[in-house]
Amino acid sequence: MLDRDEDILKAAEDWGKAGHGVALATVVETWGSAPRPAGSSLVVNDDGTFLGSVSGGCVEGAVVTEALDVIASGTPRMLEFGVADDAAWKVGLSCGGTIRVFVEKVG
């Protein structure tokens, strides 16, 4: 079961109150067959703990890595993931679609 938006935002708030750096990743666009719709989100804290999903597991690892960089730098990023040659099975969407994910520091 995927986490509700309220759970994700509550985790972000709780982690921030506990002194963690926090980033929010949100699907802002999808093309073709995408595992999660626009608006899906994932929250990450500075120790790598995360809650939610932007791709049903396809690219969460890469998004968490980018989110940790965003927490450290404070600079937001727009990420794009899709099927691209050999990279499709490493960090990509094997379903054939493409997603854009905006990652920003919160708190």
PDB file of N, CA and C in Angstrom:
ATOM      1  N   MET A   1       0.837  -1.177   0.000  1.00  0.00           N
ATOM      2  CA  MET A   1       0.000   0.000   0.000  1.00  0.00           C
ATOM      3  C   MET A   1       0.885   1.244   0.000  1.00  0.00           C
ATOM      4  N   LEU A   2       0.499   2.224  -0.792  1.00  0.00           N
ATOM      5  CA  LEU A   2       1.248   3.469  -0.856  1.00  0.00           C
ATOM      6  C   LEU A   2       0.767   4.409   0.245  1.00  0.00           C
ATOM      7  N   ASP A   3       1.662   5.248   0.700  1.00  0.00           N
ATOM      8  CA  ASP A   3       1.332   6.165   1.779  1.00  0.00           C
ATOM      9  C   ASP A   3       0.471   7.312   1.273  1.00  0.00           C
ATOM     10  N   ARG A   4      -0.409   7.790   2.135  1.00  0.00           N
ATOM     11  CA  ARG A   4      -1.265   8.917   1.791  1.00  0.00           C
ATOM     12  C   ARG A   4      -0.463  10.210   1.844  1.00  0.00           C
ATOM     13  N   ASP A   5      -0.929  11.219   1.085  1.00  0.00           N
ATOM     14  CA  ASP A   5      -0.259  12.519   1.086  1.00  0.00           C
ATOM     15  C   ASP A   5      -0.145  13.085   2.494  1.00  0.00           C
ATOM     16  N   GLU A   6      -1.190  12.895   3.307  1.00  0.00           N
ATOM     17  CA  GLU A   6      -1.177  13.412   4.671  1.00  0.00           C
ATOM     18  C   GLU A   6      -0.065  12.770   5.496  1.00  0.00           C
ATOM     19  N   ASP A   7       0.170  11.481   5.283  1.00  0.00           N
ATOM     20  CA  ASP A   7       1.232  10.769   5.998  1.00  0.00           C
ATOM     21  C   ASP A   7       2.604  11.315   5.603  1.00  0.00           C
ATOM     22  N   ILE A   8       2.766  11.565   4.315  1.00  0.00           N
ATOM     23  CA  ILE A   8       4.043  12.057   3.797  1.00  0.00           C
ATOM     24  C   ILE A   8       4.338  13.446   4.348  1.00  0.00           C
ATOM     25  N   LEU A   9       3.340  14.324   4.324  1.00  0.00           N
ATOM     26  CA  LEU A   9       3.534  15.678   4.837  1.00  0.00           C
ATOM     27  C   LEU A   9       3.743  15.683   6.345  1.00  0.00           C
ATOM     28  N   LYS A  10       3.069  14.792   7.048  1.00  0.00           N
ATOM     29  CA  LYS A  10       3.250  14.684   8.506  1.00  0.00           C
ATOM     30  C   LYS A  10       4.665  14.212   8.828  1.00  0.00           C
ATOM     31  N   ALA A  11       5.163  13.254   8.064  1.00  0.00           N
ATOM     32  CA  ALA A  11       6.540  12.782   8.268  1.00  0.00           C
ATOM     33  C   ALA A  11       7.521  13.924   8.038  1.00  0.00           C
ATOM     34  N   ALA A  12       7.313  14.713   6.987  1.00  0.00           N
ATOM     35  CA  ALA A  12       8.190  15.852   6.708  1.00  0.00           C
ATOM     36  C   ALA A  12       8.189  16.826   7.885  1.00  0.00           C
ATOM     37  N   GLU A  13       7.014  17.111   8.402  1.00  0.00           N
ATOM     38  CA  GLU A  13       6.890  18.031   9.533  1.00  0.00           C
ATOM     39  C   GLU A  13       7.577  17.465  10.778  1.00  0.00           C
ATOM     40  N   ASP A  14       7.324  16.196  11.071  1.00  0.00           N
ATOM     41  CA  ASP A  14       7.915  15.559  12.254  1.00  0.00           C
ATOM     42  C   ASP A  14       9.433  15.508  12.156  1.00  0.00           C
ATOM     43  N   TRP A  15       9.944  15.135  10.993  1.00  0.00           N
ATOM     44  CA  TRP A  15      11.405  15.067  10.827  1.00  0.00           C
ATOM     45  C   TRP A  15      12.036  16.443  10.967  1.00  0.00           C
ATOM     46  N   GLY A  16      11.384  17.457  10.404  1.00  0.00           N
ATOM     47  CA  GLY A  16      11.902  18.820  10.533  1.00  0.00           C
ATOM     48  C   GLY A  16      11.927  19.271  11.990  1.00  0.00           C
ATOM     49  N   LYS A  17      10.863  18.991  12.731  1.00  0.00           N
ATOM     50  CA  LYS A  17      10.797  19.350  14.153  1.00  0.00           C
ATOM     51  C   LYS A  17      11.849  18.618  14.960  1.00  0.00           C
ATOM     52  N   ALA A  18      12.239  17.421  14.507  1.00  0.00           N
ATOM     53  CA  ALA A  18      13.266  16.630  15.206  1.00  0.00           C
ATOM     54  C   ALA A  18      14.682  17.077  14.826  1.00  0.00           C
ATOM     55  N   GLY A  19      14.786  18.082  13.950  1.00  0.00           N
ATOM     56  CA  GLY A  19      16.097  18.613  13.595  1.00  0.00           C
ATOM     57  C   GLY A  19      16.706  18.052  12.327  1.00  0.00           C
ATOM     58  N   HIS A  20      15.969  17.230  11.603  1.00  0.00           N
ATOM     59  CA  HIS A  20      16.480  16.667  10.346  1.00  0.00           C
ATOM     60  C   HIS A  20      16.320  17.654   9.201  1.00  0.00           C
ATOM     61  N   GLY A  21      17.245  17.587   8.249  1.00  0.00           N
ATOM     62  CA  GLY A  21      17.039  18.229   6.960  1.00  0.00           C
ATOM     63  C   GLY A  21      16.057  17.368   6.191  1.00  0.00           C
ATOM     64  N   VAL A  22      15.172  17.999   5.416  1.00  0.00           N
ATOM     65  CA  VAL A  22      14.107  17.273   4.733  1.00  0.00           C
ATOM     66  C   VAL A  22      13.970  17.780   3.302  1.00  0.00           C
ATOM     67  N   ALA A  23      13.714  16.858   2.378  1.00  0.00           N
ATOM     68  CA  ALA A  23      13.429  17.222   0.990  1.00  0.00           C
ATOM     69  C   ALA A  23      12.150  16.521   0.552  1.00  0.00           C
ATOM     70  N   LEU A  24      11.421  17.184  -0.327  1.00  0.00           N
ATOM     71  CA  LEU A  24      10.196  16.637  -0.890  1.00  0.00           C
ATOM     72  C   LEU A  24      10.388  16.479  -2.390  1.00  0.00           C
ATOM     73  N   ALA A  25      10.103  15.290  -2.896  1.00  0.00           N
ATOM     74  CA  ALA A  25      10.167  15.004  -4.334  1.00  0.00           C
ATOM     75  C   ALA A  25       8.738  14.787  -4.817  1.00  0.00           C
ATOM     76  N   THR A  26       8.370  15.489  -5.891  1.00  0.00           N
ATOM     77  CA  THR A  26       7.002  15.427  -6.399  1.00  0.00           C
ATOM     78  C   THR A  26       7.016  15.182  -7.909  1.00  0.00           C
ATOM     79  N   VAL A  27       6.209  14.228  -8.370  1.00  0.00           N
ATOM     80  CA  VAL A  27       6.046  14.004  -9.810  1.00  0.00           C
ATOM     81  C   VAL A  27       5.276  15.198 -10.364  1.00  0.00           C
ATOM     82  N   VAL A  28       5.902  15.917 -11.314  1.00  0.00           N
ATOM     83  CA  VAL A  28       5.246  17.093 -11.876  1.00  0.00           C
ATOM     84  C   VAL A  28       4.715  16.857 -13.286  1.00  0.00           C
ATOM     85  N   GLU A  29       5.244  15.863 -13.990  1.00  0.00           N
ATOM     86  CA  GLU A  29       4.762  15.532 -15.334  1.00  0.00           C
ATOM     87  C   GLU A  29       5.001  14.061 -15.615  1.00  0.00           C
ATOM     88  N   THR A  30       4.125  13.480 -16.402  1.00  0.00           N
ATOM     89  CA  THR A  30       4.315  12.108 -16.880  1.00  0.00           C
ATOM     90  C   THR A  30       4.014  12.055 -18.366  1.00  0.00           C
ATOM     91  N   TRP A  31       4.663  11.148 -19.071  1.00  0.00           N
ATOM     92  CA  TRP A  31       4.400  10.886 -20.477  1.00  0.00           C
ATOM     93  C   TRP A  31       4.323   9.388 -20.667  1.00  0.00           C
ATOM     94  N   GLY A  32       3.405   8.946 -21.486  1.00  0.00           N
ATOM     95  CA  GLY A  32       3.268   7.523 -21.766  1.00  0.00           C
ATOM     96  C   GLY A  32       2.836   6.763 -20.536  1.00  0.00           C
ATOM     97  N   SER A  33       3.277   5.530 -20.449  1.00  0.00           N
ATOM     98  CA  SER A  33       2.931   4.662 -19.331  1.00  0.00           C
ATOM     99  C   SER A  33       3.829   5.005 -18.148  1.00  0.00           C
ATOM    100  N   ALA A  34       3.243   5.590 -17.109  1.00  0.00           N
ATOM    101  CA  ALA A  34       4.007   5.968 -15.923  1.00  0.00           C
ATOM    102  C   ALA A  34       3.417   5.242 -14.717  1.00  0.00           C
ATOM    103  N   PRO A  35       4.270   4.775 -13.811  1.00  0.00           N
ATOM    104  CA  PRO A  35       3.791   3.989 -12.672  1.00  0.00           C
ATOM    105  C   PRO A  35       3.010   4.787 -11.637  1.00  0.00           C
ATOM    106  N   ARG A  36       3.246   6.087 -11.530  1.00  0.00           N
ATOM    107  CA  ARG A  36       2.564   6.933 -10.539  1.00  0.00           C
ATOM    108  C   ARG A  36       2.134   8.224 -11.230  1.00  0.00           C
ATOM    109  N   PRO A  37       0.996   8.769 -10.862  1.00  0.00           N
ATOM    110  CA  PRO A  37       0.499   9.983 -11.520  1.00  0.00           C
ATOM    111  C   PRO A  37       1.197  11.250 -11.030  1.00  0.00           C
ATOM    112  N   ALA A  38       1.037  12.328 -11.796  1.00  0.00           N
ATOM    113  CA  ALA A  38       1.516  13.638 -11.362  1.00  0.00           C
ATOM    114  C   ALA A  38       0.901  13.944 -10.006  1.00  0.00           C
ATOM    115  N   GLY A  39       1.701  14.543  -9.137  1.00  0.00           N
ATOM    116  CA  GLY A  39       1.261  14.839  -7.775  1.00  0.00           C
ATOM    117  C   GLY A  39       1.744  13.822  -6.757  1.00  0.00           C
ATOM    118  N   SER A  40       2.181  12.655  -7.217  1.00  0.00           N
ATOM    119  CA  SER A  40       2.721  11.645  -6.293  1.00  0.00           C
ATOM    120  C   SER A  40       3.991  12.192  -5.661  1.00  0.00           C
ATOM    121  N   SER A  41       4.218  11.854  -4.403  1.00  0.00           N
ATOM    122  CA  SER A  41       5.373  12.432  -3.736  1.00  0.00           C
ATOM    123  C   SER A  41       6.084  11.449  -2.813  1.00  0.00           C
ATOM    124  N   LEU A  42       7.298  11.853  -2.474  1.00  0.00           N
ATOM    125  CA  LEU A  42       8.183  11.085  -1.606  1.00  0.00           C
ATOM    126  C   LEU A  42       8.924  12.100  -0.756  1.00  0.00           C
ATOM    127  N   VAL A  43       9.041  11.857   0.528  1.00  0.00           N
ATOM    128  CA  VAL A  43       9.790  12.736   1.419  1.00  0.00           C
ATOM    129  C   VAL A  43      11.009  11.977   1.933  1.00  0.00           C
ATOM    130  N   VAL A  44      12.124  12.697   2.049  1.00  0.00           N
ATOM    131  CA  VAL A  44      13.401  12.102   2.452  1.00  0.00           C
ATOM    132  C   VAL A  44      14.000  12.948   3.562  1.00  0.00           C
ATOM    133  N   ASN A  45      14.564  12.293   4.574  1.00  0.00           N
ATOM    134  CA  ASN A  45      15.296  13.087   5.568  1.00  0.00           C
ATOM    135  C   ASN A  45      16.800  12.887   5.379  1.00  0.00           C
ATOM    136  N   ASP A  46      17.581  13.646   6.133  1.00  0.00           N
ATOM    137  CA  ASP A  46      19.029  13.689   5.913  1.00  0.00           C
ATOM    138  C   ASP A  46      19.765  12.413   6.278  1.00  0.00           C
ATOM    139  N   ASP A  47      19.095  11.438   6.889  1.00  0.00           N
ATOM    140  CA  ASP A  47      19.766  10.148   7.103  1.00  0.00           C
ATOM    141  C   ASP A  47      19.343   9.107   6.067  1.00  0.00           C
ATOM    142  N   GLY A  48      18.584   9.554   5.045  1.00  0.00           N
ATOM    143  CA  GLY A  48      18.194   8.668   3.950  1.00  0.00           C
ATOM    144  C   GLY A  48      16.884   7.938   4.153  1.00  0.00           C
ATOM    145  N   THR A  49      16.230   8.158   5.285  1.00  0.00           N
ATOM    146  CA  THR A  49      14.923   7.557   5.504  1.00  0.00           C
ATOM    147  C   THR A  49      13.923   8.233   4.583  1.00  0.00           C
ATOM    148  N   PHE A  50      13.039   7.455   3.951  1.00  0.00           N
ATOM    149  CA  PHE A  50      12.050   8.065   3.067  1.00  0.00           C
ATOM    150  C   PHE A  50      10.698   7.405   3.222  1.00  0.00           C
ATOM    151  N   LEU A  51       9.683   8.138   2.782  1.00  0.00           N
ATOM    152  CA  LEU A  51       8.309   7.681   2.847  1.00  0.00           C
ATOM    153  C   LEU A  51       7.606   8.169   1.589  1.00  0.00           C
ATOM    154  N   GLY A  52       6.814   7.309   0.974  1.00  0.00           N
ATOM    155  CA  GLY A  52       6.081   7.666  -0.234  1.00  0.00           C
ATOM    156  C   GLY A  52       6.698   7.016  -1.456  1.00  0.00           C
ATOM    157  N   SER A  53       6.220   7.429  -2.624  1.00  0.00           N
ATOM    158  CA  SER A  53       6.691   6.837  -3.870  1.00  0.00           C
ATOM    159  C   SER A  53       6.450   7.784  -5.036  1.00  0.00           C
ATOM    160  N   VAL A  54       7.437   7.885  -5.905  1.00  0.00           N
ATOM    161  CA  VAL A  54       7.267   8.655  -7.136  1.00  0.00           C
ATOM    162  C   VAL A  54       7.234   7.756  -8.369  1.00  0.00           C
ATOM    163  N   SER A  55       7.568   6.470  -8.174  1.00  0.00           N
ATOM    164  CA  SER A  55       7.610   5.584  -9.343  1.00  0.00           C
ATOM    165  C   SER A  55       7.280   4.131  -9.034  1.00  0.00           C
ATOM    166  N   GLY A  56       6.775   3.848  -7.874  1.00  0.00           N
ATOM    167  CA  GLY A  56       6.481   2.463  -7.537  1.00  0.00           C
ATOM    168  C   GLY A  56       7.726   1.615  -7.374  1.00  0.00           C
ATOM    169  N   GLY A  57       8.874   2.241  -7.133  1.00  0.00           N
ATOM    170  CA  GLY A  57      10.111   1.511  -6.884  1.00  0.00           C
ATOM    171  C   GLY A  57      11.138   1.569  -7.999  1.00  0.00           C
ATOM    172  N   CYS A  58      10.759   2.042  -9.172  1.00  0.00           N
ATOM    173  CA  CYS A  58      11.679   2.052 -10.322  1.00  0.00           C
ATOM    174  C   CYS A  58      12.880   2.965 -10.118  1.00  0.00           C
ATOM    175  N   VAL A  59      12.660   4.175  -9.596  1.00  0.00           N
ATOM    176  CA  VAL A  59      13.746   5.155  -9.502  1.00  0.00           C
ATOM    177  C   VAL A  59      13.894   5.758  -8.107  1.00  0.00           C
ATOM    178  N   GLU A  60      13.241   5.183  -7.122  1.00  0.00           N
ATOM    179  CA  GLU A  60      13.295   5.757  -5.783  1.00  0.00           C
ATOM    180  C   GLU A  60      14.731   5.910  -5.268  1.00  0.00           C
ATOM    181  N   GLY A  61      15.572   4.938  -5.507  1.00  0.00           N
ATOM    182  CA  GLY A  61      16.966   5.021  -5.045  1.00  0.00           C
ATOM    183  C   GLY A  61      17.681   6.238  -5.588  1.00  0.00           C
ATOM    184  N   ALA A  62      17.509   6.511  -6.876  1.00  0.00           N
ATOM    185  CA  ALA A  62      18.138   7.680  -7.495  1.00  0.00           C
ATOM    186  C   ALA A  62      17.536   8.971  -6.955  1.00  0.00           C
ATOM    187  N   VAL A  63      16.236   8.991  -6.721  1.00  0.00           N
ATOM    188  CA  VAL A  63      15.580  10.189  -6.192  1.00  0.00           C
ATOM    189  C   VAL A  63      16.056  10.464  -4.769  1.00  0.00           C
ATOM    190  N   VAL A  64      16.197   9.436  -3.958  1.00  0.00           N
ATOM    191  CA  VAL A  64      16.699   9.622  -2.592  1.00  0.00           C
ATOM    192  C   VAL A  64      18.110  10.199  -2.627  1.00  0.00           C
ATOM    193  N   THR A  65      18.970   9.687  -3.493  1.00  0.00           N
ATOM    194  CA  THR A  65      20.338  10.204  -3.618  1.00  0.00           C
ATOM    195  C   THR A  65      20.326  11.680  -3.994  1.00  0.00           C
ATOM    196  N   GLU A  66      19.509  12.041  -4.973  1.00  0.00           N
ATOM    197  CA  GLU A  66      19.404  13.446  -5.387  1.00  0.00           C
ATOM    198  C   GLU A  66      18.831  14.301  -4.265  1.00  0.00           C
ATOM    199  N   ALA A  67      17.850  13.776  -3.536  1.00  0.00           N
ATOM    200  CA  ALA A  67      17.239  14.527  -2.439  1.00  0.00           C
ATOM    201  C   ALA A  67      18.259  14.815  -1.342  1.00  0.00           C
ATOM    202  N   LEU A  68      19.143  13.878  -1.063  1.00  0.00           N
ATOM    203  CA  LEU A  68      20.183  14.120  -0.058  1.00  0.00           C
ATOM    204  C   LEU A  68      21.100  15.261  -0.497  1.00  0.00           C
ATOM    205  N   ASP A  69      21.409  15.324  -1.784  1.00  0.00           N
ATOM    206  CA  ASP A  69      22.207  16.439  -2.315  1.00  0.00           C
ATOM    207  C   ASP A  69      21.447  17.757  -2.194  1.00  0.00           C
ATOM    208  N   VAL A  70      20.144  17.731  -2.453  1.00  0.00           N
ATOM    209  CA  VAL A  70      19.318  18.934  -2.326  1.00  0.00           C
ATOM    210  C   VAL A  70      19.275  19.404  -0.873  1.00  0.00           C
ATOM    211  N   ILE A  71      19.161  18.482   0.070  1.00  0.00           N
ATOM    212  CA  ILE A  71      19.178  18.849   1.487  1.00  0.00           C
ATOM    213  C   ILE A  71      20.494  19.536   1.831  1.00  0.00           C
ATOM    214  N   ALA A  72      21.597  18.980   1.349  1.00  0.00           N
ATOM    215  CA  ALA A  72      22.919  19.530   1.659  1.00  0.00           C
ATOM    216  C   ALA A  72      23.148  20.896   1.010  1.00  0.00           C
ATOM    217  N   SER A  73      22.702  21.050  -0.231  1.00  0.00           N
ATOM    218  CA  SER A  73      22.984  22.282  -0.975  1.00  0.00           C
ATOM    219  C   SER A  73      21.892  23.336  -0.852  1.00  0.00           C
ATOM    220  N   GLY A  74      20.667  22.898  -0.631  1.00  0.00           N
ATOM    221  CA  GLY A  74      19.539  23.820  -0.621  1.00  0.00           C
ATOM    222  C   GLY A  74      19.047  24.196  -2.001  1.00  0.00           C
ATOM    223  N   THR A  75      19.679  23.654  -3.035  1.00  0.00           N
ATOM    224  CA  THR A  75      19.323  23.985  -4.413  1.00  0.00           C
ATOM    225  C   THR A  75      18.361  22.941  -4.970  1.00  0.00           C
ATOM    226  N   PRO A  76      17.153  23.362  -5.372  1.00  0.00           N
ATOM    227  CA  PRO A  76      16.191  22.398  -5.925  1.00  0.00           C
ATOM    228  C   PRO A  76      16.653  21.850  -7.270  1.00  0.00           C
ATOM    229  N   ARG A  77      16.087  20.709  -7.656  1.00  0.00           N
ATOM    230  CA  ARG A  77      16.447  20.066  -8.936  1.00  0.00           C
ATOM    231  C   ARG A  77      15.212  19.512  -9.613  1.00  0.00           C
ATOM    232  N   MET A  78      15.251  19.529 -10.934  1.00  0.00           N
ATOM    233  CA  MET A  78      14.241  18.863 -11.738  1.00  0.00           C
ATOM    234  C   MET A  78      14.908  17.624 -12.322  1.00  0.00           C
ATOM    235  N   LEU A  79      14.341  16.458 -12.056  1.00  0.00           N
ATOM    236  CA  LEU A  79      14.892  15.196 -12.529  1.00  0.00           C
ATOM    237  C   LEU A  79      13.963  14.625 -13.584  1.00  0.00           C
ATOM    238  N   GLU A  80      14.522  13.904 -14.532  1.00  0.00           N
ATOM    239  CA  GLU A  80      13.711  13.225 -15.538  1.00  0.00           C
ATOM    240  C   GLU A  80      14.186  11.788 -15.664  1.00  0.00           C
ATOM    241  N   PHE A  81      13.237  10.875 -15.658  1.00  0.00           N
ATOM    242  CA  PHE A  81      13.537   9.453 -15.759  1.00  0.00           C
ATOM    243  C   PHE A  81      12.659   8.831 -16.833  1.00  0.00           C
ATOM    244  N   GLY A  82      13.257   7.956 -17.626  1.00  0.00           N
ATOM    245  CA  GLY A  82      12.523   7.236 -18.644  1.00  0.00           C
ATOM    246  C   GLY A  82      13.377   6.100 -19.171  1.00  0.00           C
ATOM    247  N   VAL A  83      12.878   5.422 -20.175  1.00  0.00           N
ATOM    248  CA  VAL A  83      13.634   4.344 -20.794  1.00  0.00           C
ATOM    249  C   VAL A  83      14.624   4.959 -21.765  1.00  0.00           C
ATOM    250  N   ALA A  84      15.893   4.663 -21.559  1.00  0.00           N
ATOM    251  CA  ALA A  84      16.937   5.199 -22.432  1.00  0.00           C
ATOM    252  C   ALA A  84      18.029   4.152 -22.615  1.00  0.00           C
ATOM    253  N   ASP A  85      17.988   3.470 -23.715  1.00  0.00           N
ATOM    254  CA  ASP A  85      19.011   2.489 -24.076  1.00  0.00           C
ATOM    255  C   ASP A  85      19.362   1.558 -22.923  1.00  0.00           C
ATOM    256  N   ASP A  86      20.658   1.425 -22.636  1.00  0.00           N
ATOM    257  CA  ASP A  86      21.119   0.499 -21.603  1.00  0.00           C
ATOM    258  C   ASP A  86      20.752   0.943 -20.194  1.00  0.00           C
ATOM    259  N   ALA A  87      20.499   2.231 -20.025  1.00  0.00           N
ATOM    260  CA  ALA A  87      20.191   2.743 -18.696  1.00  0.00           C
ATOM    261  C   ALA A  87      18.786   2.362 -18.240  1.00  0.00           C
ATOM    262  N   ALA A  88      17.964   1.879 -19.133  1.00  0.00           N
ATOM    263  CA  ALA A  88      16.561   1.606 -18.813  1.00  0.00           C
ATOM    264  C   ALA A  88      16.404   0.686 -17.616  1.00  0.00           C
ATOM    265  N   TRP A  89      17.252  -0.290 -17.495  1.00  0.00           N
ATOM    266  CA  TRP A  89      17.092  -1.247 -16.400  1.00  0.00           C
ATOM    267  C   TRP A  89      17.931  -0.900 -15.189  1.00  0.00           C
ATOM    268  N   LYS A  90      18.851   0.070 -15.327  1.00  0.00           N
ATOM    269  CA  LYS A  90      19.646   0.499 -14.179  1.00  0.00           C
ATOM    270  C   LYS A  90      18.858   1.520 -13.368  1.00  0.00           C
ATOM    271  N   VAL A  91      18.599   2.674 -13.945  1.00  0.00           N
ATOM    272  CA  VAL A  91      17.801   3.718 -13.306  1.00  0.00           C
ATOM    273  C   VAL A  91      16.876   4.248 -14.374  1.00  0.00           C
ATOM    274  N   GLY A  92      15.724   3.667 -14.465  1.00  0.00           N
ATOM    275  CA  GLY A  92      14.777   4.105 -15.473  1.00  0.00           C
ATOM    276  C   GLY A  92      13.437   3.456 -15.258  1.00  0.00           C
ATOM    277  N   LEU A  93      12.537   3.770 -16.148  1.00  0.00           N
ATOM    278  CA  LEU A  93      11.192   3.229 -16.051  1.00  0.00           C
ATOM    279  C   LEU A  93      11.026   2.147 -17.101  1.00  0.00           C
ATOM    280  N   SER A  94      11.028   0.920 -16.671  1.00  0.00           N
ATOM    281  CA  SER A  94      10.909  -0.204 -17.593  1.00  0.00           C
ATOM    282  C   SER A  94       9.525  -0.275 -18.218  1.00  0.00           C
ATOM    283  N   CYS A  95       8.563   0.503 -17.691  1.00  0.00           N
ATOM    284  CA  CYS A  95       7.199   0.491 -18.222  1.00  0.00           C
ATOM    285  C   CYS A  95       7.093   1.254 -19.535  1.00  0.00           C
ATOM    286  N   GLY A  96       8.125   1.976 -19.920  1.00  0.00           N
ATOM    287  CA  GLY A  96       8.128   2.683 -21.196  1.00  0.00           C
ATOM    288  C   GLY A  96       7.769   4.145 -21.105  1.00  0.00           C
ATOM    289  N   GLY A  97       7.390   4.638 -19.954  1.00  0.00           N
ATOM    290  CA  GLY A  97       7.017   6.038 -19.810  1.00  0.00           C
ATOM    291  C   GLY A  97       8.179   6.906 -19.366  1.00  0.00           C
ATOM    292  N   THR A  98       7.864   8.165 -19.131  1.00  0.00           N
ATOM    293  CA  THR A  98       8.830   9.140 -18.645  1.00  0.00           C
ATOM    294  C   THR A  98       8.158   9.953 -17.548  1.00  0.00           C
ATOM    295  N   ILE A  99       8.915  10.265 -16.509  1.00  0.00           N
ATOM    296  CA  ILE A  99       8.401  11.142 -15.459  1.00  0.00           C
ATOM    297  C   ILE A  99       9.401  12.255 -15.187  1.00  0.00           C
ATOM    298  N   ARG A 100       8.877  13.415 -14.791  1.00  0.00           N
ATOM    299  CA  ARG A 100       9.707  14.514 -14.300  1.00  0.00           C
ATOM    300  C   ARG A 100       9.370  14.684 -12.832  1.00  0.00           C
ATOM    301  N   VAL A 101      10.426  14.799 -12.021  1.00  0.00           N
ATOM    302  CA  VAL A 101      10.280  14.876 -10.564  1.00  0.00           C
ATOM    303  C   VAL A 101      11.011  16.121 -10.066  1.00  0.00           C
ATOM    304  N   PHE A 102      10.303  16.984  -9.349  1.00  0.00           N
ATOM    305  CA  PHE A 102      10.890  18.173  -8.766  1.00  0.00           C
ATOM    306  C   PHE A 102      11.257  17.859  -7.331  1.00  0.00           C
ATOM    307  N   VAL A 103      12.504  18.142  -6.957  1.00  0.00           N
ATOM    308  CA  VAL A 103      13.000  17.872  -5.603  1.00  0.00           C
ATOM    309  C   VAL A 103      13.394  19.194  -4.966  1.00  0.00           C
ATOM    310  N   GLU A 104      12.838  19.473  -3.779  1.00  0.00           N
ATOM    311  CA  GLU A 104      13.117  20.711  -3.081  1.00  0.00           C
ATOM    312  C   GLU A 104      13.303  20.470  -1.596  1.00  0.00           C
ATOM    313  N   LYS A 105      14.138  21.298  -0.985  1.00  0.00           N
ATOM    314  CA  LYS A 105      14.333  21.244   0.464  1.00  0.00           C
ATOM    315  C   LYS A 105      13.135  21.912   1.127  1.00  0.00           C
ATOM    316  N   VAL A 106      12.688  21.345   2.225  1.00  0.00           N
ATOM    317  CA  VAL A 106      11.563  21.934   2.970  1.00  0.00           C
ATOM    318  C   VAL A 106      11.968  22.210   4.394  1.00  0.00           C
ATOM    319  N   GLY A 107      11.223  23.139   5.033  1.00  0.00           N
ATOM    320  CA  GLY A 107      11.463  23.420   6.437  1.00  0.00           C
ATOM    321  C   GLY A 107      12.445  24.510   6.694  1.00  0.00           C
TER     322      GLY A 107
END
